[in-house]
Amino acid sequence: MEIEYNIAGRILAKEGTRVITLAEILASPLVVNGAAGAATCAADLTEDMLAAYCKSVSAQNACKVYLWKDREEYGNANVFNGGSDYEVVNEICFLCIYDCGNEVARETTDHWNEKIDAVI
């Protein structure tokens, strides 16, 4: 089985929307010096690390920030005709939203969270 991560976010500032990249998150002192140890890849980033980063960026920019981590596990799935297909067999999606440093939402779902579609 193969696991794929998609981590990104958006800063919704008065000056406009800006994308948050994985590289930016991994370079953050909050992630590098976190209590759980330094994260070096998407798989290392915990929900708590992402929420702390989101809260910090939101407070620093005095705006709303969305941050998400989508984990897709690929494997063989049975299909209608009795064969198999290589596709997503398990998905975990974490989303956190902070506005001016205050938590608006923090949730984990077993599917793509459609709230993310509003900002991508």
C-alpha atoms as a PDB file:
ATOM      1  CA  MET A   1       0.000   0.000   0.000  1.00  0.00           C
ATOM      2  CA  GLU A   2       1.078   3.506  -0.784  1.00  0.00           C
ATOM      3  CA  ILE A   3       0.283   6.548   1.355  1.00  0.00           C
ATOM      4  CA  GLU A   4       0.082  10.056  -0.055  1.00  0.00           C
ATOM      5  CA  TYR A   5      -0.120  13.284   1.960  1.00  0.00           C
ATOM      6  CA  ASN A   6      -1.434  16.647   0.850  1.00  0.00           C
ATOM      7  CA  ILE A   7      -0.773  19.473   3.290  1.00  0.00           C
ATOM      8  CA  ALA A   8      -1.554  23.062   2.446  1.00  0.00           C
ATOM      9  CA  GLY A   9      -3.440  26.070   3.624  1.00  0.00           C
ATOM     10  CA  ARG A  10      -4.631  29.571   2.882  1.00  0.00           C
ATOM     11  CA  ILE A  11      -4.151  32.884   4.650  1.00  0.00           C
ATOM     12  CA  LEU A  12      -7.191  35.060   4.032  1.00  0.00           C
ATOM     13  CA  ALA A  13      -5.731  38.500   4.779  1.00  0.00           C
ATOM     14  CA  LYS A  14      -7.228  41.879   3.920  1.00  0.00           C
ATOM     15  CA  GLU A  15      -4.471  42.337   1.331  1.00  0.00           C
ATOM     16  CA  GLY A  16      -5.518  39.115  -0.408  1.00  0.00           C
ATOM     17  CA  THR A  17      -5.300  35.357  -0.176  1.00  0.00           C
ATOM     18  CA  ARG A  18      -1.921  33.662   0.132  1.00  0.00           C
ATOM     19  CA  VAL A  19      -1.069  29.965  -0.137  1.00  0.00           C
ATOM     20  CA  ILE A  20       0.718  28.177   2.716  1.00  0.00           C
ATOM     21  CA  THR A  21       3.097  25.484   1.462  1.00  0.00           C
ATOM     22  CA  LEU A  22       4.410  22.357   3.135  1.00  0.00           C
ATOM     23  CA  ALA A  23       7.969  23.751   2.961  1.00  0.00           C
ATOM     24  CA  GLU A  24       6.850  26.871   4.833  1.00  0.00           C
ATOM     25  CA  ILE A  25       5.215  24.770   7.562  1.00  0.00           C
ATOM     26  CA  LEU A  26       8.252  22.493   7.940  1.00  0.00           C
ATOM     27  CA  ALA A  27      10.561  25.541   8.249  1.00  0.00           C
ATOM     28  CA  SER A  28       8.459  27.094  11.017  1.00  0.00           C
ATOM     29  CA  PRO A  29      10.060  27.304  14.492  1.00  0.00           C
ATOM     30  CA  LEU A  30       6.786  25.923  15.898  1.00  0.00           C
ATOM     31  CA  VAL A  31       7.306  22.705  13.954  1.00  0.00           C
ATOM     32  CA  VAL A  32      11.109  22.541  14.167  1.00  0.00           C
ATOM     33  CA  ASN A  33      11.205  23.127  17.924  1.00  0.00           C
ATOM     34  CA  GLY A  34       7.915  21.460  18.837  1.00  0.00           C
ATOM     35  CA  ALA A  35       7.587  19.294  21.908  1.00  0.00           C
ATOM     36  CA  ALA A  36       7.129  16.184  19.779  1.00  0.00           C
ATOM     37  CA  GLY A  37      10.455  16.687  17.978  1.00  0.00           C
ATOM     38  CA  ALA A  38      11.256  18.174  14.612  1.00  0.00           C
ATOM     39  CA  ALA A  39       9.095  17.286  11.631  1.00  0.00           C
ATOM     40  CA  THR A  40      10.989  16.617   8.427  1.00  0.00           C
ATOM     41  CA  CYS A  41       8.167  15.497   6.127  1.00  0.00           C
ATOM     42  CA  ALA A  42       4.391  15.585   5.823  1.00  0.00           C
ATOM     43  CA  ALA A  43       3.980  12.275   7.649  1.00  0.00           C
ATOM     44  CA  ASP A  44       5.705  13.735  10.741  1.00  0.00           C
ATOM     45  CA  LEU A  45       3.254  16.622  11.121  1.00  0.00           C
ATOM     46  CA  THR A  46       0.689  15.905  13.819  1.00  0.00           C
ATOM     47  CA  GLU A  47      -2.704  17.548  14.090  1.00  0.00           C
ATOM     48  CA  ASP A  48      -1.491  19.436  17.164  1.00  0.00           C
ATOM     49  CA  MET A  49       1.531  20.800  15.274  1.00  0.00           C
ATOM     50  CA  LEU A  50      -0.654  21.939  12.389  1.00  0.00           C
ATOM     51  CA  ALA A  51      -3.195  23.549  14.710  1.00  0.00           C
ATOM     52  CA  ALA A  52      -0.442  25.411  16.602  1.00  0.00           C
ATOM     53  CA  TYR A  53       1.029  26.665  13.322  1.00  0.00           C
ATOM     54  CA  CYS A  54      -2.406  27.715  12.047  1.00  0.00           C
ATOM     55  CA  LYS A  55      -3.180  29.558  15.283  1.00  0.00           C
ATOM     56  CA  SER A  56       0.155  31.364  15.240  1.00  0.00           C
ATOM     57  CA  VAL A  57      -0.130  32.499  11.613  1.00  0.00           C
ATOM     58  CA  SER A  58      -3.711  33.591  12.188  1.00  0.00           C
ATOM     59  CA  ALA A  59      -2.807  35.678  15.242  1.00  0.00           C
ATOM     60  CA  GLN A  60       0.277  37.131  13.566  1.00  0.00           C
ATOM     61  CA  ASN A  61      -1.663  38.241  10.479  1.00  0.00           C
ATOM     62  CA  ALA A  62      -4.909  39.075  12.343  1.00  0.00           C
ATOM     63  CA  CYS A  63      -6.969  37.150   9.828  1.00  0.00           C
ATOM     64  CA  LYS A  64      -8.613  33.811   9.056  1.00  0.00           C
ATOM     65  CA  VAL A  65      -6.326  30.877   8.209  1.00  0.00           C
ATOM     66  CA  TYR A  66      -7.278  27.448   6.849  1.00  0.00           C
ATOM     67  CA  LEU A  67      -4.843  24.539   7.134  1.00  0.00           C
ATOM     68  CA  TRP A  68      -5.427  20.944   6.130  1.00  0.00           C
ATOM     69  CA  LYS A  69      -3.725  17.572   5.949  1.00  0.00           C
ATOM     70  CA  ASP A  70      -5.210  14.929   3.705  1.00  0.00           C
ATOM     71  CA  ARG A  71      -3.865  11.370   4.049  1.00  0.00           C
ATOM     72  CA  GLU A  72      -4.825   8.966   1.278  1.00  0.00           C
ATOM     73  CA  GLU A  73      -3.980   5.283   1.455  1.00  0.00           C
ATOM     74  CA  TYR A  74      -3.979   3.536  -1.916  1.00  0.00           C
ATOM     75  CA  GLY A  75      -4.587  -0.148  -2.381  1.00  0.00           C
ATOM     76  CA  ASN A  76      -6.535  -2.717  -4.338  1.00  0.00           C
ATOM     77  CA  ALA A  77     -10.264  -2.180  -4.116  1.00  0.00           C
ATOM     78  CA  ASN A  78     -12.921  -4.559  -5.369  1.00  0.00           C
ATOM     79  CA  VAL A  79     -15.006  -3.251  -8.224  1.00  0.00           C
ATOM     80  CA  PHE A  80     -18.445  -4.245  -9.473  1.00  0.00           C
ATOM     81  CA  ASN A  81     -17.305  -6.637 -12.214  1.00  0.00           C
ATOM     82  CA  GLY A  82     -15.309  -8.759  -9.773  1.00  0.00           C
ATOM     83  CA  GLY A  83     -11.919  -7.349 -10.711  1.00  0.00           C
ATOM     84  CA  SER A  84      -9.846  -4.977  -8.710  1.00  0.00           C
ATOM     85  CA  ASP A  85      -8.649  -1.431  -9.082  1.00  0.00           C
ATOM     86  CA  TYR A  86      -5.813   0.493  -7.417  1.00  0.00           C
ATOM     87  CA  GLU A  87      -7.455   3.455  -5.716  1.00  0.00           C
ATOM     88  CA  VAL A  88      -7.939   5.259  -2.406  1.00  0.00           C
ATOM     89  CA  VAL A  89      -9.100   2.690   0.135  1.00  0.00           C
ATOM     90  CA  ASN A  90      -8.717   4.817   3.254  1.00  0.00           C
ATOM     91  CA  GLU A  91      -8.653   8.579   3.744  1.00  0.00           C
ATOM     92  CA  ILE A  92      -8.194  10.813   6.775  1.00  0.00           C
ATOM     93  CA  CYS A  93      -8.643  14.543   6.378  1.00  0.00           C
ATOM     94  CA  PHE A  94      -7.741  17.042   9.113  1.00  0.00           C
ATOM     95  CA  LEU A  95      -8.876  20.662   8.861  1.00  0.00           C
ATOM     96  CA  CYS A  96      -8.326  23.540  11.235  1.00  0.00           C
ATOM     97  CA  ILE A  97      -9.548  27.091  10.860  1.00  0.00           C
ATOM     98  CA  TYR A  98      -8.429  29.968  13.049  1.00  0.00           C
ATOM     99  CA  ASP A  99      -9.539  33.594  12.909  1.00  0.00           C
ATOM    100  CA  CYS A 100      -7.266  36.171  14.599  1.00  0.00           C
ATOM    101  CA  GLY A 101      -5.772  33.395  16.738  1.00  0.00           C
ATOM    102  CA  ASN A 102      -9.142  31.993  17.846  1.00  0.00           C
ATOM    103  CA  GLU A 103     -10.192  28.476  16.900  1.00  0.00           C
ATOM    104  CA  VAL A 104     -13.172  28.406  14.540  1.00  0.00           C
ATOM    105  CA  ALA A 105     -13.050  24.711  13.601  1.00  0.00           C
ATOM    106  CA  ARG A 106     -10.836  21.704  14.153  1.00  0.00           C
ATOM    107  CA  GLU A 107     -12.073  18.433  12.772  1.00  0.00           C
ATOM    108  CA  THR A 108     -10.953  15.105  11.401  1.00  0.00           C
ATOM    109  CA  THR A 109     -13.057  13.227   8.868  1.00  0.00           C
ATOM    110  CA  ASP A 110     -12.748   9.948   6.965  1.00  0.00           C
ATOM    111  CA  HIS A 111     -13.261  11.744   3.645  1.00  0.00           C
ATOM    112  CA  TRP A 112     -12.263  15.001   1.899  1.00  0.00           C
ATOM    113  CA  ASN A 113     -13.654  17.879   3.953  1.00  0.00           C
ATOM    114  CA  GLU A 114     -15.769  20.018   1.634  1.00  0.00           C
ATOM    115  CA  LYS A 115     -15.140  23.121   3.747  1.00  0.00           C
ATOM    116  CA  ILE A 116     -11.699  23.214   2.116  1.00  0.00           C
ATOM    117  CA  ASP A 117     -13.291  23.685  -1.315  1.00  0.00           C
ATOM    118  CA  ALA A 118     -14.380  27.189  -0.269  1.00  0.00           C
ATOM    119  CA  VAL A 119     -10.771  28.418  -0.239  1.00  0.00           C
ATOM    120  CA  ILE A 120      -8.998  26.449  -2.963  1.00  0.00           C
END
